[in-house]
Protein backbone atom coordinates (compact mmCIF):
# COMPACT_ATOMS: atom_id res chain seq x y z
CA MET A 1 -13.68 5.64 19.97
CA ILE A 2 -13.21 8.62 17.59
CA ASP A 3 -16.41 9.34 15.71
CA ALA A 4 -15.16 9.61 12.12
CA ASN A 5 -14.97 7.65 8.87
CA VAL A 6 -11.39 7.77 7.59
CA LEU A 7 -10.13 6.66 4.20
CA VAL A 8 -6.40 6.17 3.76
CA ILE A 9 -5.51 6.59 0.09
CA GLY A 10 -2.36 4.52 -0.44
CA GLY A 11 -1.68 1.55 1.82
CA GLY A 12 2.13 1.79 1.56
CA ALA A 13 4.56 2.49 4.37
CA ILE A 14 3.01 5.65 5.91
CA GLY A 15 -0.58 4.96 4.87
CA GLY A 16 -0.67 1.30 5.85
CA VAL A 17 0.91 1.94 9.29
CA THR A 18 -1.51 4.80 9.88
CA ALA A 19 -4.53 2.66 8.99
CA ALA A 20 -3.38 -0.20 11.18
CA ARG A 21 -2.74 2.04 14.19
CA MET A 22 -6.13 3.77 13.78
CA THR A 23 -8.16 0.56 13.40
CA GLY A 24 -10.16 -0.15 16.52
CA GLN A 25 -9.79 3.44 17.75
CA VAL A 26 -11.66 5.31 14.98
CA ARG A 27 -15.24 4.44 14.05
CA ARG A 28 -14.37 3.21 10.53
CA VAL A 29 -11.02 3.02 8.82
CA MET A 30 -10.76 2.10 5.14
CA VAL A 31 -7.72 1.70 2.90
CA LEU A 32 -7.69 2.27 -0.85
CA ASP A 33 -4.69 0.85 -2.73
CA ALA A 34 -4.16 -0.14 -6.38
CA ASN A 35 -2.04 -3.21 -5.51
CA GLU A 36 -4.63 -6.02 -5.40
CA GLU A 37 -2.25 -8.47 -3.76
CA HIS A 38 -1.47 -5.97 -1.00
CA VAL A 39 -5.21 -5.30 -0.56
CA ALA A 40 -6.00 -9.00 -0.32
CA ARG A 41 -3.35 -9.58 2.32
CA MET A 42 -4.38 -6.55 4.35
CA ARG A 43 -7.88 -8.05 4.47
CA ASP A 44 -6.86 -11.64 5.19
CA PRO A 45 -4.78 -12.77 7.05
CA GLY A 46 -4.19 -9.10 7.94
CA LEU A 47 -1.34 -6.59 7.65
CA GLU A 48 1.88 -7.79 9.28
CA LEU A 49 3.26 -4.75 11.08
CA ASP A 50 6.59 -4.41 12.81
CA ARG A 51 5.93 -1.42 15.07
CA LEU A 52 9.29 -0.37 16.44
CA GLY A 53 10.15 -4.02 17.10
CA GLU A 54 6.67 -5.13 18.21
CA GLU A 55 5.13 -7.66 15.84
CA LEU A 56 1.42 -7.14 15.13
CA ARG A 57 -1.17 -8.44 12.69
CA VAL A 58 -4.13 -6.19 11.90
CA ARG A 59 -6.99 -7.00 9.58
CA LEU A 60 -7.89 -3.91 7.54
CA GLU A 61 -10.93 -2.91 5.53
CA ALA A 62 -9.09 -2.55 2.24
CA TYR A 63 -10.27 -1.92 -1.30
CA ALA A 64 -8.66 -1.74 -4.76
CA ASP A 65 -11.64 -0.07 -6.49
CA PRO A 66 -12.98 3.26 -5.20
CA ALA A 67 -16.45 2.29 -6.44
CA GLU A 68 -16.56 -0.35 -3.67
CA LEU A 69 -16.17 2.13 -0.79
CA PRO A 70 -19.27 1.60 1.37
CA VAL A 71 -19.54 5.04 3.07
CA GLU A 72 -18.57 8.63 2.43
CA PRO A 73 -15.37 9.38 4.33
CA ASP A 74 -15.14 12.41 6.60
CA PHE A 75 -11.38 12.49 5.93
CA ALA A 76 -9.24 11.04 3.12
CA LEU A 77 -5.59 10.87 4.10
CA VAL A 78 -3.57 11.17 0.89
CA THR A 79 -0.27 9.33 1.41
CA LEU A 80 0.42 8.52 -2.26
CA LYS A 81 3.49 9.23 -4.30
CA ALA A 82 3.08 12.33 -6.50
CA ALA A 83 2.93 10.29 -9.76
CA TYR A 84 -0.24 8.50 -8.58
CA LEU A 85 -2.30 11.43 -7.36
CA GLU A 86 -4.41 12.16 -10.42
CA PRO A 87 -5.70 8.63 -11.14
CA ALA A 88 -6.38 7.97 -7.46
CA LEU A 89 -8.06 11.25 -6.53
CA THR A 90 -10.11 11.99 -9.65
CA PRO A 91 -12.73 9.28 -8.96
CA LEU A 92 -13.13 10.54 -5.37
CA ARG A 93 -13.93 14.18 -6.17
CA GLY A 94 -17.21 15.09 -4.54
CA ARG A 95 -17.27 11.87 -2.49
CA VAL A 96 -15.03 12.95 0.38
CA LYS A 97 -15.66 15.84 2.78
CA THR A 98 -12.00 16.72 3.45
CA PHE A 99 -8.76 15.55 1.85
CA VAL A 100 -5.58 15.69 3.89
CA SER A 101 -2.32 16.03 1.92
CA LEU A 102 0.33 14.00 3.79
CA GLY A 103 2.73 13.26 0.98
CA ASN A 104 6.38 14.18 0.68
CA GLY A 105 7.59 17.27 -1.14
CA LEU A 106 5.48 20.09 -2.51
CA VAL A 107 2.35 18.08 -3.40
CA GLN A 108 -0.37 19.99 -1.59
CA ASP A 109 -1.04 22.37 -4.47
CA ARG A 110 -1.40 19.40 -6.84
CA VAL A 111 -3.87 17.79 -4.48
CA ALA A 112 -5.83 21.03 -4.18
CA SER A 113 -6.04 21.32 -7.99
CA LEU A 114 -7.59 17.86 -8.11
CA VAL A 115 -10.07 18.04 -5.21
CA GLY A 116 -10.71 21.77 -4.65
CA ASP A 117 -9.08 24.29 -2.27
CA ASP A 118 -12.07 24.21 0.13
CA ARG A 119 -11.68 20.45 0.68
CA LEU A 120 -8.00 20.53 1.59
CA LEU A 121 -6.11 20.26 4.85
CA ILE A 122 -2.32 20.03 4.81
CA GLY A 123 -0.11 17.88 6.99
CA THR A 124 3.42 16.49 7.39
CA VAL A 125 4.55 13.15 8.75
CA GLU A 126 7.81 13.22 10.69
CA TRP A 127 7.97 9.52 11.62
CA GLY A 128 9.29 6.90 9.23
CA ALA A 129 8.17 3.51 7.89
CA THR A 130 9.32 0.92 5.42
CA ASN A 131 7.40 -1.16 2.87
CA LEU A 132 8.57 -4.80 3.22
CA GLY A 133 6.35 -6.18 0.45
CA PRO A 134 2.62 -7.01 0.00
CA GLY A 135 0.95 -7.21 3.39
CA ARG A 136 4.13 -6.35 5.33
CA LEU A 137 5.16 -2.98 6.74
CA ALA A 138 7.45 -1.65 9.47
CA GLN A 139 7.27 1.54 11.50
CA THR A 140 10.91 2.46 12.07
CA THR A 141 10.81 5.71 13.99
CA ASN A 142 8.37 7.63 16.22
CA ALA A 143 7.66 11.34 15.75
CA PRO A 144 4.68 13.70 15.29
CA PHE A 145 2.18 14.60 12.64
CA VAL A 146 1.87 18.37 12.00
CA ILE A 147 -1.39 19.54 10.49
CA GLY A 148 -2.99 22.88 9.55
CA GLU A 149 -5.53 24.79 7.53
CA PRO A 150 -3.96 26.20 4.33
CA ASP A 151 -4.70 29.76 5.52
CA GLY A 152 -3.42 29.14 9.06
CA SER A 153 -6.79 29.41 10.74
CA ASP A 154 -8.40 27.19 13.40
CA SER A 155 -11.42 25.00 12.45
CA ASP A 156 -13.61 22.25 13.79
CA ARG A 157 -12.47 19.91 11.00
CA LEU A 158 -8.85 20.48 11.97
CA GLU A 159 -9.59 19.61 15.56
CA ARG A 160 -11.47 16.42 14.53
CA LEU A 161 -8.58 15.41 12.25
CA GLY A 162 -6.17 15.90 15.11
CA GLU A 163 -8.25 13.56 17.29
CA ALA A 164 -8.21 10.85 14.64
CA LEU A 165 -4.47 11.14 13.87
CA GLY A 166 -3.79 11.25 17.62
CA THR A 167 -4.57 7.53 17.76
CA VAL A 168 -1.42 7.00 15.68
CA ALA A 169 1.13 9.51 16.94
CA GLU A 170 1.50 12.89 18.60
CA VAL A 171 -0.28 15.67 16.61
CA ARG A 172 0.77 19.28 16.48
CA ILE A 173 -1.42 22.03 15.07
CA SER A 174 0.41 24.60 12.95
CA HIS A 175 -0.85 28.07 12.02
CA ASN A 176 1.99 28.28 9.52
CA ILE A 177 1.54 25.01 7.70
CA ARG A 178 3.19 26.16 4.47
CA GLY A 179 6.30 27.08 6.40
CA GLN A 180 6.03 23.71 8.11
CA VAL A 181 5.80 21.89 4.76
CA TRP A 182 8.94 23.66 3.55
CA SER A 183 10.70 22.77 6.77
CA LYS A 184 9.73 19.12 6.26
CA LEU A 185 11.02 19.44 2.69
CA LEU A 186 14.41 20.31 4.19
CA LEU A 187 14.37 16.98 5.97
CA ASN A 188 13.35 15.04 2.89
CA SER A 189 15.65 16.83 0.46
CA THR A 190 18.59 16.38 2.78
CA TRP A 191 18.29 12.96 4.43
CA SER A 192 16.10 11.21 1.86
CA GLY A 193 17.98 12.89 -0.97
CA LEU A 194 21.40 11.83 0.34
CA GLY A 195 19.99 8.49 1.46
CA VAL A 196 18.83 7.58 -2.05
CA ALA A 197 22.04 8.91 -3.58
CA SER A 198 24.18 6.77 -1.29
CA GLY A 199 21.97 3.81 -0.44
CA LEU A 200 22.34 4.53 3.28
CA LEU A 201 19.89 5.04 6.12
CA TYR A 202 19.49 8.55 7.51
CA GLY A 203 21.74 7.78 10.48
CA GLN A 204 24.38 6.22 8.28
CA VAL A 205 24.49 9.38 6.15
CA ALA A 206 24.99 11.38 9.36
CA GLU A 207 27.80 9.05 10.51
CA HIS A 208 29.65 9.27 7.18
CA PRO A 209 32.13 12.18 7.46
CA ARG A 210 31.48 13.46 3.93
CA GLY A 211 27.80 12.63 4.06
CA ARG A 212 27.40 14.69 7.23
CA ARG A 213 29.02 17.78 5.78
CA LEU A 214 27.02 17.44 2.56
CA ALA A 215 23.89 17.20 4.63
CA VAL A 216 24.64 20.59 6.17
CA GLU A 217 25.20 22.09 2.71
CA VAL A 218 22.01 20.56 1.21
CA TRP A 219 20.10 21.84 4.20
CA ARG A 220 21.58 25.30 3.81
CA GLU A 221 20.45 25.42 0.19
CA GLY A 222 16.88 24.68 1.23
CA VAL A 223 16.93 27.20 4.06
CA ALA A 224 18.18 29.92 1.69
CA VAL A 225 15.42 29.15 -0.80
CA GLY A 226 12.81 29.12 1.97
CA HIS A 227 13.98 32.52 3.20
CA ALA A 228 13.93 33.85 -0.39
CA GLN A 229 10.24 32.92 -0.56
CA GLY A 230 9.53 34.79 2.68
CA LEU A 231 8.63 31.61 4.55
CA GLU A 232 8.91 31.32 8.30
CA LEU A 233 10.64 27.98 8.95
CA GLN A 234 9.45 25.74 11.77
CA GLU A 235 10.80 23.16 14.17
CA LEU A 236 11.26 19.57 13.10
CA VAL A 237 11.31 16.91 15.86
CA SER A 238 11.73 19.84 18.30
CA ILE A 239 14.79 21.22 16.42
CA PRO A 240 14.71 24.75 14.92
CA ALA A 241 15.23 24.42 11.16
CA GLU A 242 18.01 27.00 11.16
CA ASP A 243 20.13 25.04 13.66
CA ILE A 244 21.37 22.48 11.13
CA ALA A 245 22.33 25.31 8.80
CA SER A 246 24.18 27.16 11.58
CA ALA A 247 27.70 28.42 10.89
CA ASP A 248 28.55 27.27 14.43
CA ARG A 249 29.57 23.63 13.85
CA GLU A 250 28.80 22.70 17.45
CA VAL A 251 25.18 23.91 17.05
CA SER A 252 24.85 22.14 13.71
CA ASP A 253 26.32 18.84 14.97
CA ARG A 254 24.17 18.90 18.09
CA ALA A 255 21.03 19.39 15.98
CA ILE A 256 21.95 16.58 13.59
CA ASP A 257 22.68 14.21 16.52
CA THR A 258 19.35 15.08 18.15
CA MET A 259 17.45 14.52 14.89
CA MET A 260 19.19 11.26 14.15
CA GLY A 261 18.39 10.07 17.67
CA GLN A 262 14.77 10.01 16.52
CA LEU A 263 15.01 9.48 12.78
CA GLY A 264 18.34 7.71 12.20
CA ALA A 265 16.77 4.29 11.45
CA THR A 266 14.71 5.72 8.59
CA LYS A 267 15.24 4.30 5.10
CA ALA A 268 14.56 6.96 2.48
CA SER A 269 11.26 6.41 0.73
CA MET A 270 12.98 7.33 -2.54
CA LEU A 271 15.57 4.63 -1.94
CA GLN A 272 12.76 2.14 -1.30
CA ASP A 273 11.25 3.17 -4.65
CA ILE A 274 14.55 2.72 -6.50
CA GLU A 275 15.00 -0.72 -5.00
CA ARG A 276 11.43 -1.71 -6.05
CA GLY A 277 11.89 -0.33 -9.54
CA VAL A 278 9.09 2.25 -9.35
CA PRO A 279 9.19 6.01 -10.05
CA CYS A 280 10.27 8.12 -7.10
CA GLU A 281 9.46 11.65 -6.03
CA VAL A 282 12.78 13.41 -6.46
CA ASP A 283 11.18 16.03 -8.76
CA VAL A 284 8.84 17.23 -5.98
CA ILE A 285 11.52 16.98 -3.29
CA ASN A 286 15.04 17.97 -4.37
CA GLY A 287 13.65 19.10 -7.70
CA ALA A 288 11.24 21.43 -5.90
CA VAL A 289 14.12 23.06 -4.00
CA ALA A 290 16.10 23.47 -7.22
CA THR A 291 13.14 24.87 -9.14
CA ARG A 292 12.18 27.38 -6.48
CA GLY A 293 15.87 28.25 -6.17
CA THR A 294 16.03 29.10 -9.85
CA GLU A 295 12.86 31.22 -9.56
CA HIS A 296 14.37 33.22 -6.70
CA GLY A 297 17.96 33.41 -7.86
CA VAL A 298 19.35 31.05 -5.18
CA PRO A 299 21.97 28.50 -6.33
CA THR A 300 21.13 24.87 -5.43
CA PRO A 301 23.87 22.74 -7.02
CA LEU A 302 23.58 19.90 -4.55
CA ASN A 303 19.82 19.53 -4.79
CA ALA A 304 20.13 19.65 -8.61
CA GLY A 305 22.90 17.05 -8.45
CA ILE A 306 20.76 14.68 -6.37
CA VAL A 307 18.00 14.96 -8.96
CA GLU A 308 20.47 13.97 -11.69
CA PHE A 309 21.74 11.00 -9.66
CA VAL A 310 18.23 9.67 -8.93
CA HIS A 311 17.09 9.93 -12.53
CA SER A 312 20.26 8.00 -13.58
CA TYR A 313 19.28 5.28 -11.08
CA GLU A 314 15.76 5.19 -12.46
CA ARG A 315 17.18 4.66 -15.96
CA GLY A 316 19.38 1.86 -14.68
CA GLU A 317 22.61 3.69 -15.53
CA ALA A 318 24.01 3.51 -11.99
CA ARG A 319 23.17 2.31 -8.53
CA PRO A 320 23.02 4.09 -5.12
CA SER A 321 26.43 4.14 -3.52
CA PRO A 322 28.34 6.24 -0.94
CA ALA A 323 30.65 7.11 -3.87
CA ALA A 324 27.98 9.60 -4.84
CA PHE A 325 29.13 11.75 -1.93
CA ASP A 326 32.47 12.37 -3.63
CA GLU A 327 30.85 13.49 -6.87
CA LEU A 328 28.36 15.74 -5.05
CA ALA A 329 31.14 17.27 -2.95
CA ALA A 330 32.96 18.21 -6.15
CA ARG A 331 30.00 20.46 -6.97
CA THR A 332 30.67 22.67 -3.93
CA GLN A 333 34.36 23.31 -4.72
């Protein structure tokens, strides 16, 4: 039993699966989620979890109101969408020892501004999950967490966090977590970006001839922007970030096939948001690549195009379709 009190902020796909997998292995696991129906079902009869094909039901200690939390958490795992960070984290300032930013995109600085730099650890989640509705989640792929101190140092709290997260999945400690976050952003901007544009799973994007070539080009844009910032890119699911961007097609294809062997069943979280009619995070994913590209003089027409597509979907002007690949490809000609 890991001796820690852990609060998972956001009981959606990643957060809910994490809480369910931790329960019974960590001293106390609590979930905070604004959806009262989801909270009620997580409590009773328990969260229905499809874990890579294994059906489980786990009763969780879940709350909708932060004032009801019974103990001070040692760690608060922040798995929320960017739009919900401020209302969720503001009431918890001063009540949590360490916040762990686990969201998609470049959200760690926003989390730090809300809770304080000294209370922040940064992490990435490489495995995927799907929200199936209130009280129902599925873990679709298996891959590591990567965590680190913002300054790249070692610490006791980082080691303790690794022990707690290790009850869920493999944990890797990074001394270059900001480079790791950008490397994860490559994955999200490419596969989630093209997944939401097309309505396809990651693996289906990779199997689509035009989708696959676009993926290489989107990835290359992100790599160029990362290099322009002076970041050292890291491995993702044991694949060097530069391999997908390689000019050697054999190297690039092999890297994509290896990645899809682990992540191909993932449904883009942004696509899940579009289907549920809620705001998605394209502005801190593809939008972050485009914004940093502008700041550093690196063209990012495909990332900018994905942002435009997604906002049109949010406005109800169009729907995700593989036809988006043709329009995006025209931007590279």
